[in-house]
C-alpha atoms as a PDB file:
ATOM      1  CA  MET A   1      24.437  22.476  37.538  1.00  0.00           C
ATOM      2  CA  ALA A   2      20.858  23.442  38.375  1.00  0.00           C
ATOM      3  CA  GLU A   3      20.500  25.658  41.389  1.00  0.00           C
ATOM      4  CA  ARG A   4      18.380  24.702  44.345  1.00  0.00           C
ATOM      5  CA  ILE A   5      14.715  25.970  44.291  1.00  0.00           C
ATOM      6  CA  ASP A   6      13.781  28.111  47.238  1.00  0.00           C
ATOM      7  CA  LEU A   7      11.135  26.309  49.236  1.00  0.00           C
ATOM      8  CA  THR A   8      10.315  29.454  51.194  1.00  0.00           C
ATOM      9  CA  ALA A   9       9.304  31.410  48.170  1.00  0.00           C
ATOM     10  CA  PRO A  10       5.585  32.216  47.913  1.00  0.00           C
ATOM     11  CA  ALA A  11       3.505  29.757  46.041  1.00  0.00           C
ATOM     12  CA  VAL A  12       1.880  30.840  42.801  1.00  0.00           C
ATOM     13  CA  ARG A  13      -1.454  29.412  41.612  1.00  0.00           C
ATOM     14  CA  TRP A  14      -1.214  27.947  38.049  1.00  0.00           C
ATOM     15  CA  LEU A  15      -4.267  25.690  37.664  1.00  0.00           C
ATOM     16  CA  ARG A  16      -7.141  25.799  40.097  1.00  0.00           C
ATOM     17  CA  GLU A  17      -9.789  23.035  40.670  1.00  0.00           C
ATOM     18  CA  LYS A  18      -9.742  21.578  37.209  1.00  0.00           C
ATOM     19  CA  ALA A  19     -12.301  18.618  36.710  1.00  0.00           C
ATOM     20  CA  THR A  20     -10.788  17.465  33.369  1.00  0.00           C
ATOM     21  CA  LEU A  21      -9.291  14.091  34.438  1.00  0.00           C
ATOM     22  CA  ARG A  22     -10.808  10.938  33.068  1.00  0.00           C
ATOM     23  CA  GLU A  23     -11.448   9.327  36.491  1.00  0.00           C
ATOM     24  CA  PRO A  24     -13.228  11.044  39.298  1.00  0.00           C
ATOM     25  CA  THR A  25     -10.376  10.207  41.724  1.00  0.00           C
ATOM     26  CA  VAL A  26      -7.516  12.375  43.021  1.00  0.00           C
ATOM     27  CA  LEU A  27      -4.434  12.877  40.921  1.00  0.00           C
ATOM     28  CA  GLN A  28      -1.436  10.853  42.245  1.00  0.00           C
ATOM     29  CA  SER A  29       1.446  12.474  40.290  1.00  0.00           C
ATOM     30  CA  PHE A  30       2.210  14.444  37.132  1.00  0.00           C
ATOM     31  CA  ALA A  31       4.952  15.346  34.729  1.00  0.00           C
ATOM     32  CA  PHE A  32       5.622  17.825  31.915  1.00  0.00           C
ATOM     33  CA  ASP A  33       6.460  17.317  28.275  1.00  0.00           C
ATOM     34  CA  GLU A  34       8.087  20.700  27.565  1.00  0.00           C
ATOM     35  CA  VAL A  35       8.622  20.008  23.984  1.00  0.00           C
ATOM     36  CA  HIS A  36       5.028  19.369  22.956  1.00  0.00           C
ATOM     37  CA  ARG A  37       3.586  21.429  25.856  1.00  0.00           C
ATOM     38  CA  HIS A  38       1.703  18.610  27.340  1.00  0.00           C
ATOM     39  CA  LEU A  39       0.945  17.789  31.070  1.00  0.00           C
ATOM     40  CA  TYR A  40       0.596  14.127  32.018  1.00  0.00           C
ATOM     41  CA  VAL A  41      -1.294  13.155  35.017  1.00  0.00           C
ATOM     42  CA  LEU A  42      -1.654   9.705  36.804  1.00  0.00           C
ATOM     43  CA  GLN A  43      -4.655   8.769  38.913  1.00  0.00           C
ATOM     44  CA  LEU A  44      -5.905   5.525  40.405  1.00  0.00           C
ATOM     45  CA  THR A  45      -9.139   4.177  38.720  1.00  0.00           C
ATOM     46  CA  ARG A  46     -12.299   3.782  40.722  1.00  0.00           C
ATOM     47  CA  GLY A  47     -11.853   0.559  42.747  1.00  0.00           C
ATOM     48  CA  GLY A  48      -8.444  -0.009  41.393  1.00  0.00           C
ATOM     49  CA  ARG A  49      -6.308   0.720  44.390  1.00  0.00           C
ATOM     50  CA  ALA A  50      -5.676  -2.837  45.510  1.00  0.00           C
ATOM     51  CA  ALA A  51      -4.868  -4.044  42.004  1.00  0.00           C
ATOM     52  CA  GLY A  52      -2.773  -1.007  41.093  1.00  0.00           C
ATOM     53  CA  ASP A  53      -4.909   0.077  38.196  1.00  0.00           C
ATOM     54  CA  LEU A  54      -4.014   3.555  36.905  1.00  0.00           C
ATOM     55  CA  CYS A  55      -5.411   6.063  34.368  1.00  0.00           C
ATOM     56  CA  LEU A  56      -2.868   8.174  32.597  1.00  0.00           C
ATOM     57  CA  ASN A  57      -4.268  11.509  31.320  1.00  0.00           C
ATOM     58  CA  ARG A  58      -2.688  13.754  28.680  1.00  0.00           C
ATOM     59  CA  LEU A  59      -3.565  17.428  29.033  1.00  0.00           C
ATOM     60  CA  ASP A  60      -2.663  20.714  27.481  1.00  0.00           C
ATOM     61  CA  LEU A  61      -1.131  23.398  29.678  1.00  0.00           C
ATOM     62  CA  LYS A  62      -4.492  24.916  30.441  1.00  0.00           C
ATOM     63  CA  GLY A  63      -5.642  21.641  31.862  1.00  0.00           C
ATOM     64  CA  ASN A  64      -7.856  20.455  29.114  1.00  0.00           C
ATOM     65  CA  ARG A  65      -7.838  16.775  28.459  1.00  0.00           C
ATOM     66  CA  LEU A  66      -6.304  15.601  25.150  1.00  0.00           C
ATOM     67  CA  GLY A  67      -6.582  11.836  25.713  1.00  0.00           C
ATOM     68  CA  HIS A  68      -6.177   9.041  28.199  1.00  0.00           C
ATOM     69  CA  MET A  69      -4.923   5.433  28.537  1.00  0.00           C
ATOM     70  CA  TYR A  70      -5.316   2.726  31.249  1.00  0.00           C
ATOM     71  CA  LEU A  71      -2.449   0.944  33.001  1.00  0.00           C
ATOM     72  CA  LYS A  72      -3.786  -2.197  34.789  1.00  0.00           C
ATOM     73  CA  GLY A  73      -1.700  -3.712  37.438  1.00  0.00           C
ATOM     74  CA  PHE A  74       0.999  -0.982  37.322  1.00  0.00           C
ATOM     75  CA  GLY A  75       0.986   0.443  40.842  1.00  0.00           C
ATOM     76  CA  HIS A  76      -0.033   3.486  42.932  1.00  0.00           C
ATOM     77  CA  GLY A  77       1.405   6.236  40.643  1.00  0.00           C
ATOM     78  CA  VAL A  78       3.199   8.169  43.346  1.00  0.00           C
ATOM     79  CA  SER A  79       5.626   9.622  40.753  1.00  0.00           C
ATOM     80  CA  MET A  80       6.318   9.557  37.038  1.00  0.00           C
ATOM     81  CA  GLY A  81       8.643  10.942  34.379  1.00  0.00           C
ATOM     82  CA  VAL A  82       8.904  11.988  30.806  1.00  0.00           C
ATOM     83  CA  GLN A  83      11.879  11.276  28.455  1.00  0.00           C
ATOM     84  CA  HIS A  84      12.501  12.562  25.007  1.00  0.00           C
ATOM     85  CA  SER A  85      14.731  10.214  22.872  1.00  0.00           C
ATOM     86  CA  ALA A  86      17.138  11.517  20.131  1.00  0.00           C
ATOM     87  CA  ASP A  87      14.752  10.324  17.450  1.00  0.00           C
ATOM     88  CA  GLY A  88      11.852  12.319  18.898  1.00  0.00           C
ATOM     89  CA  THR A  89      10.054   9.568  20.701  1.00  0.00           C
ATOM     90  CA  VAL A  90       8.325  10.519  23.889  1.00  0.00           C
ATOM     91  CA  TRP A  91       8.593   7.893  26.623  1.00  0.00           C
ATOM     92  CA  ILE A  92       6.486   7.888  29.758  1.00  0.00           C
ATOM     93  CA  TRP A  93       8.134   6.323  32.830  1.00  0.00           C
ATOM     94  CA  THR A  94       5.994   4.811  35.635  1.00  0.00           C
ATOM     95  CA  GLU A  95       6.103   2.028  38.102  1.00  0.00           C
ATOM     96  CA  THR A  96       4.653  -1.369  37.015  1.00  0.00           C
ATOM     97  CA  ASP A  97       4.329  -5.066  38.023  1.00  0.00           C
ATOM     98  CA  ALA A  98       2.088  -4.293  41.056  1.00  0.00           C
ATOM     99  CA  VAL A  99       1.694  -6.452  44.032  1.00  0.00           C
ATOM    100  CA  ASN A 100      -0.590  -5.228  46.828  1.00  0.00           C
ATOM    101  CA  GLY A 101      -1.152  -2.106  44.720  1.00  0.00           C
ATOM    102  CA  TYR A 102       2.471  -0.965  44.408  1.00  0.00           C
ATOM    103  CA  GLY A 103       4.854  -1.610  41.623  1.00  0.00           C
ATOM    104  CA  ARG A 104       7.893  -3.990  42.071  1.00  0.00           C
ATOM    105  CA  GLY A 105       9.569  -2.504  39.064  1.00  0.00           C
ATOM    106  CA  VAL A 106       9.518   0.414  36.493  1.00  0.00           C
ATOM    107  CA  THR A 107       8.955   0.720  32.823  1.00  0.00           C
ATOM    108  CA  ARG A 108       8.726   3.073  30.016  1.00  0.00           C
ATOM    109  CA  PHE A 109       6.075   3.311  27.175  1.00  0.00           C
ATOM    110  CA  ARG A 110       4.678   5.513  24.529  1.00  0.00           C
ATOM    111  CA  PHE A 111       1.367   7.303  25.031  1.00  0.00           C
ATOM    112  CA  ALA A 112      -1.392   5.744  23.076  1.00  0.00           C
ATOM    113  CA  PRO A 113      -4.861   7.448  23.433  1.00  0.00           C
ATOM    114  CA  GLY A 114      -7.648   5.020  24.449  1.00  0.00           C
ATOM    115  CA  ALA A 115      -5.235   2.059  24.846  1.00  0.00           C
ATOM    116  CA  THR A 116      -4.977  -0.267  27.820  1.00  0.00           C
ATOM    117  CA  ARG A 117      -1.727  -1.725  28.945  1.00  0.00           C
ATOM    118  CA  THR A 118      -0.752  -4.460  31.438  1.00  0.00           C
ATOM    119  CA  PRO A 119       2.788  -5.447  32.710  1.00  0.00           C
ATOM    120  CA  ARG A 120       2.679  -8.200  30.018  1.00  0.00           C
ATOM    121  CA  ASP A 121       2.566  -5.549  27.353  1.00  0.00           C
ATOM    122  CA  VAL A 122       5.670  -3.605  28.476  1.00  0.00           C
ATOM    123  CA  LYS A 123       9.254  -4.388  29.382  1.00  0.00           C
ATOM    124  CA  VAL A 124       9.502  -4.505  33.076  1.00  0.00           C
ATOM    125  CA  ARG A 125      12.677  -3.410  34.860  1.00  0.00           C
ATOM    126  CA  HIS A 126      13.777  -4.359  38.262  1.00  0.00           C
ATOM    127  CA  PRO A 127      16.738  -2.171  38.880  1.00  0.00           C
ATOM    128  CA  VAL A 128      17.018  -2.836  42.680  1.00  0.00           C
ATOM    129  CA  GLU A 129      16.888  -6.620  43.291  1.00  0.00           C
ATOM    130  CA  GLY A 130      14.346  -7.637  45.872  1.00  0.00           C
ATOM    131  CA  SER A 131      12.806  -4.159  46.244  1.00  0.00           C
ATOM    132  CA  ARG A 132       9.263  -3.104  46.419  1.00  0.00           C
ATOM    133  CA  THR A 133       7.273   0.188  45.848  1.00  0.00           C
ATOM    134  CA  ASN A 134       9.470   1.349  42.856  1.00  0.00           C
ATOM    135  CA  GLN A 135       8.568   4.783  41.576  1.00  0.00           C
ATOM    136  CA  PRO A 136      10.566   6.818  38.974  1.00  0.00           C
ATOM    137  CA  ALA A 137      11.204  10.472  38.279  1.00  0.00           C
ATOM    138  CA  VAL A 138      13.169  12.018  35.381  1.00  0.00           C
ATOM    139  CA  CYS A 139      15.402  15.139  35.313  1.00  0.00           C
ATOM    140  CA  PRO A 140      15.663  16.117  31.586  1.00  0.00           C
ATOM    141  CA  ALA A 141      18.049  18.916  32.463  1.00  0.00           C
ATOM    142  CA  THR A 142      20.823  16.484  33.610  1.00  0.00           C
ATOM    143  CA  GLY A 143      19.642  13.369  31.773  1.00  0.00           C
ATOM    144  CA  ARG A 144      19.174  11.344  35.067  1.00  0.00           C
ATOM    145  CA  ILE A 145      16.439   9.157  36.515  1.00  0.00           C
ATOM    146  CA  ALA A 146      15.749   8.537  40.209  1.00  0.00           C
ATOM    147  CA  VAL A 147      13.810   5.626  41.517  1.00  0.00           C
ATOM    148  CA  ARG A 148      12.375   5.565  44.953  1.00  0.00           C
ATOM    149  CA  TYR A 149      12.113   1.990  46.297  1.00  0.00           C
ATOM    150  CA  ARG A 150      11.742   0.019  49.625  1.00  0.00           C
ATOM    151  CA  LEU A 151      14.226  -2.667  50.576  1.00  0.00           C
ATOM    152  CA  ARG A 152      13.283  -4.642  53.615  1.00  0.00           C
ATOM    153  CA  GLY A 153      10.574  -2.084  54.363  1.00  0.00           C
ATOM    154  CA  THR A 154      12.949   0.950  54.376  1.00  0.00           C
ATOM    155  CA  PRO A 155      12.406   3.726  51.659  1.00  0.00           C
ATOM    156  CA  ARG A 156      15.380   4.871  49.703  1.00  0.00           C
ATOM    157  CA  TYR A 157      16.286   6.511  46.372  1.00  0.00           C
ATOM    158  CA  ARG A 158      18.818   5.557  43.671  1.00  0.00           C
ATOM    159  CA  VAL A 159      19.890   7.857  40.884  1.00  0.00           C
ATOM    160  CA  TRP A 160      21.340   6.816  37.518  1.00  0.00           C
ATOM    161  CA  ASP A 161      22.347   8.314  34.248  1.00  0.00           C
ATOM    162  CA  LEU A 162      19.254   7.925  32.084  1.00  0.00           C
ATOM    163  CA  ALA A 163      21.156   6.580  29.097  1.00  0.00           C
ATOM    164  CA  ALA A 164      22.797   3.907  31.196  1.00  0.00           C
ATOM    165  CA  PHE A 165      19.492   3.093  32.877  1.00  0.00           C
ATOM    166  CA  THR A 166      17.710   2.836  29.554  1.00  0.00           C
ATOM    167  CA  ALA A 167      20.513   0.344  28.432  1.00  0.00           C
ATOM    168  CA  ARG A 168      19.733  -1.632  31.648  1.00  0.00           C
ATOM    169  CA  ASP A 169      23.131  -0.808  33.274  1.00  0.00           C
ATOM    170  CA  TYR A 170      22.088  -0.581  36.849  1.00  0.00           C
ATOM    171  CA  ALA A 171      25.454  -1.569  38.385  1.00  0.00           C
ATOM    172  CA  ASP A 172      26.814   1.914  39.039  1.00  0.00           C
ATOM    173  CA  PRO A 173      24.231   4.253  40.272  1.00  0.00           C
ATOM    174  CA  LEU A 174      25.194   7.995  40.708  1.00  0.00           C
ATOM    175  CA  ALA A 175      23.684   8.055  44.155  1.00  0.00           C
ATOM    176  CA  ASP A 176      21.993   5.826  46.719  1.00  0.00           C
ATOM    177  CA  LEU A 177      20.481   7.681  49.604  1.00  0.00           C
ATOM    178  CA  ALA A 178      17.895   7.260  52.293  1.00  0.00           C
ATOM    179  CA  GLN A 179      14.470   8.831  52.153  1.00  0.00           C
ATOM    180  CA  THR A 180      14.672  11.173  55.067  1.00  0.00           C
ATOM    181  CA  GLY A 181      13.246  14.391  56.541  1.00  0.00           C
ATOM    182  CA  ALA A 182      10.131  14.500  54.346  1.00  0.00           C
ATOM    183  CA  HIS A 183       7.922  15.584  57.348  1.00  0.00           C
ATOM    184  CA  PRO A 184       8.427  16.335  61.062  1.00  0.00           C
ATOM    185  CA  ASP A 185       5.917  13.589  61.669  1.00  0.00           C
ATOM    186  CA  PRO A 186       7.001  10.242  60.091  1.00  0.00           C
ATOM    187  CA  ASP A 187       3.402   8.951  60.170  1.00  0.00           C
ATOM    188  CA  VAL A 188       2.166  11.661  57.806  1.00  0.00           C
ATOM    189  CA  PRO A 189       1.841  10.236  54.228  1.00  0.00           C
ATOM    190  CA  PHE A 190       4.572  10.648  51.649  1.00  0.00           C
ATOM    191  CA  GLN A 191       2.952  12.206  48.594  1.00  0.00           C
ATOM    192  CA  GLY A 192       5.569  12.586  45.821  1.00  0.00           C
ATOM    193  CA  PHE A 193       9.123  13.494  44.763  1.00  0.00           C
ATOM    194  CA  ALA A 194      10.958  15.140  41.913  1.00  0.00           C
ATOM    195  CA  LEU A 195      14.649  15.219  40.672  1.00  0.00           C
ATOM    196  CA  HIS A 196      16.302  18.470  39.567  1.00  0.00           C
ATOM    197  CA  GLY A 197      20.042  18.514  39.187  1.00  0.00           C
ATOM    198  CA  ASP A 198      21.688  17.461  42.414  1.00  0.00           C
ATOM    199  CA  HIS A 199      18.620  17.980  44.394  1.00  0.00           C
ATOM    200  CA  LEU A 200      15.695  15.771  45.245  1.00  0.00           C
ATOM    201  CA  TYR A 201      12.501  17.368  46.328  1.00  0.00           C
ATOM    202  CA  GLN A 202       9.932  15.595  48.546  1.00  0.00           C
ATOM    203  CA  LEU A 203       6.216  16.142  49.367  1.00  0.00           C
ATOM    204  CA  ALA A 204       4.444  14.912  52.415  1.00  0.00           C
ATOM    205  CA  GLY A 205       1.065  15.843  53.989  1.00  0.00           C
ATOM    206  CA  SER A 206      -2.436  14.682  54.599  1.00  0.00           C
ATOM    207  CA  ALA A 207      -5.918  15.782  53.625  1.00  0.00           C
ATOM    208  CA  TYR A 208      -7.834  18.277  55.818  1.00  0.00           C
ATOM    209  CA  HIS A 209      -9.487  16.536  58.794  1.00  0.00           C
ATOM    210  CA  LEU A 210     -11.602  18.455  61.275  1.00  0.00           C
ATOM    211  CA  ARG A 211      -9.877  16.781  64.218  1.00  0.00           C
ATOM    212  CA  THR A 212      -6.337  15.895  63.196  1.00  0.00           C
ATOM    213  CA  ASN A 213      -5.611  18.435  60.366  1.00  0.00           C
ATOM    214  CA  PRO A 214      -8.368  21.140  60.361  1.00  0.00           C
ATOM    215  CA  PRO A 215      -8.661  23.638  57.601  1.00  0.00           C
ATOM    216  CA  ALA A 216      -8.212  26.544  60.033  1.00  0.00           C
ATOM    217  CA  GLY A 217      -4.622  25.482  60.546  1.00  0.00           C
ATOM    218  CA  HIS A 218      -3.952  25.677  56.793  1.00  0.00           C
ATOM    219  CA  GLY A 219      -2.748  22.052  56.600  1.00  0.00           C
ATOM    220  CA  ASP A 220       0.379  19.988  57.413  1.00  0.00           C
ATOM    221  CA  THR A 221       1.900  19.912  53.948  1.00  0.00           C
ATOM    222  CA  HIS A 222       5.612  20.022  53.893  1.00  0.00           C
ATOM    223  CA  LEU A 223       8.266  20.335  51.104  1.00  0.00           C
ATOM    224  CA  SER A 224      11.810  19.265  51.621  1.00  0.00           C
ATOM    225  CA  CYS A 225      15.075  18.976  49.636  1.00  0.00           C
ATOM    226  CA  LEU A 226      17.810  16.381  49.768  1.00  0.00           C
ATOM    227  CA  ASP A 227      21.387  16.674  48.256  1.00  0.00           C
ATOM    228  CA  ILE A 228      21.739  13.485  46.259  1.00  0.00           C
ATOM    229  CA  ARG A 229      25.529  13.731  46.564  1.00  0.00           C
ATOM    230  CA  THR A 230      25.548  13.556  50.348  1.00  0.00           C
ATOM    231  CA  GLY A 231      22.009  12.429  51.355  1.00  0.00           C
ATOM    232  CA  GLU A 232      21.770  15.676  53.498  1.00  0.00           C
ATOM    233  CA  LEU A 233      18.509  17.239  54.239  1.00  0.00           C
ATOM    234  CA  LEU A 234      19.098  20.825  53.096  1.00  0.00           C
ATOM    235  CA  ALA A 235      15.723  22.420  53.674  1.00  0.00           C
ATOM    236  CA  ARG A 236      12.181  21.590  54.841  1.00  0.00           C
ATOM    237  CA  HIS A 237       9.317  24.060  54.802  1.00  0.00           C
ATOM    238  CA  ARG A 238       5.612  23.871  55.562  1.00  0.00           C
ATOM    239  CA  THR A 239       3.605  25.282  52.678  1.00  0.00           C
ATOM    240  CA  ARG A 240       0.141  26.957  52.993  1.00  0.00           C
ATOM    241  CA  ALA A 241      -0.304  26.875  49.253  1.00  0.00           C
ATOM    242  CA  ALA A 242      -3.925  26.338  48.176  1.00  0.00           C
ATOM    243  CA  TYR A 243      -4.988  26.383  51.799  1.00  0.00           C
ATOM    244  CA  SER A 244      -8.439  27.680  50.853  1.00  0.00           C
ATOM    245  CA  LEU A 245      -9.330  24.421  49.045  1.00  0.00           C
ATOM    246  CA  ASP A 246     -11.688  21.986  50.583  1.00  0.00           C
ATOM    247  CA  HIS A 247     -10.350  18.479  51.240  1.00  0.00           C
ATOM    248  CA  ARG A 248      -6.783  19.794  50.198  1.00  0.00           C
ATOM    249  CA  GLU A 249      -4.667  16.721  49.853  1.00  0.00           C
ATOM    250  CA  PRO A 250      -1.137  17.144  48.529  1.00  0.00           C
ATOM    251  CA  GLU A 251      -0.488  14.835  45.615  1.00  0.00           C
ATOM    252  CA  GLY A 252       2.654  14.870  43.355  1.00  0.00           C
ATOM    253  CA  LEU A 253       5.660  17.016  42.555  1.00  0.00           C
ATOM    254  CA  ALA A 254       7.201  17.993  39.214  1.00  0.00           C
ATOM    255  CA  VAL A 255       9.798  20.509  37.936  1.00  0.00           C
ATOM    256  CA  ARG A 256       9.572  22.505  34.738  1.00  0.00           C
ATOM    257  CA  HIS A 257      13.143  22.936  33.612  1.00  0.00           C
ATOM    258  CA  THR A 258      12.671  25.489  30.757  1.00  0.00           C
ATOM    259  CA  GLY A 259      13.419  29.101  31.664  1.00  0.00           C
ATOM    260  CA  THR A 260      13.479  29.743  35.363  1.00  0.00           C
ATOM    261  CA  PRO A 261      13.002  26.283  37.022  1.00  0.00           C
ATOM    262  CA  ARG A 262       9.693  25.824  38.884  1.00  0.00           C
ATOM    263  CA  LEU A 263       8.695  23.264  41.432  1.00  0.00           C
ATOM    264  CA  TYR A 264       4.973  22.343  40.897  1.00  0.00           C
ATOM    265  CA  ILE A 265       2.866  20.964  43.793  1.00  0.00           C
ATOM    266  CA  GLY A 266      -0.338  19.117  43.120  1.00  0.00           C
ATOM    267  CA  PHE A 267      -3.485  19.263  45.357  1.00  0.00           C
ATOM    268  CA  ALA A 268      -6.741  17.259  45.180  1.00  0.00           C
ATOM    269  CA  SER A 269      -9.936  18.861  46.284  1.00  0.00           C
ATOM    270  CA  GLY A 270     -13.757  18.350  45.894  1.00  0.00           C
ATOM    271  CA  GLU A 271     -16.019  15.594  47.128  1.00  0.00           C
ATOM    272  CA  GLU A 272     -15.279  11.896  46.987  1.00  0.00           C
ATOM    273  CA  GLY A 273     -16.324  10.599  43.600  1.00  0.00           C
ATOM    274  CA  ALA A 274     -15.977  14.067  42.053  1.00  0.00           C
ATOM    275  CA  ARG A 275     -12.384  15.139  42.838  1.00  0.00           C
ATOM    276  CA  ARG A 276     -10.696  18.161  41.239  1.00  0.00           C
ATOM    277  CA  PHE A 277      -6.979  19.026  40.969  1.00  0.00           C
ATOM    278  CA  SER A 278      -4.938  22.182  41.342  1.00  0.00           C
ATOM    279  CA  LEU A 279      -1.421  23.035  40.649  1.00  0.00           C
ATOM    280  CA  TYR A 280       0.779  25.664  42.363  1.00  0.00           C
ATOM    281  CA  TYR A 281       4.467  26.370  41.931  1.00  0.00           C
ATOM    282  CA  LYS A 282       7.530  27.894  43.602  1.00  0.00           C
END
């Protein structure tokens, strides 16, 4: 089983202040297609927050854009996943069926450059009855999918075998655990999660603010790790990665599973209306 990634390890810069996304907004989440060496990045469209309108970018591993598509009424884009089927099909997992800007369900679809999709164009899944704010992440190393959801306002995670989940068998999740310990301050925004083996990694933090989160303090961004078998908080660490960025808002987590596993952290920078993105890893 995959070993736990050390959150105290120094962060390494991978991509720095790229301006190649289709929309001028911040990134929300990202995921890797290791087979084809693609990086997928989700962002909200300009003015699309309330409706849950997203733009999905496909990039190469140098951050150059290879195409995009629009997902109208899908959600906020806090997390996403990539799945490779046995027949070679690449599936993108995201939230969908947005109400008040957040998805009530999840879906998978194939990337189609230049296309626009709505919830009517995809098969919507509601794996947790009555839940809101559903957001998926995929672990290709173990063939699992995690969904973050809110039930009666409380955030939790469920983890399934991906093959069972794809077959719409939601009855026996591998794990169901509370979202806990993401940040010492519970009012600080949750910014993403990733699944790797028996560990679920969380990201929380806010953008620089001269009064409440000044750049001189190098930010309030925290990484944490939960054991999906017990729900235990195993580690939490404040990271100063990318502290020299302006704005510096943490946005999204993803794991690359080939070779030595690496936990990638997204950051937004730049002026409003002209945001850039950076990725660092541990």
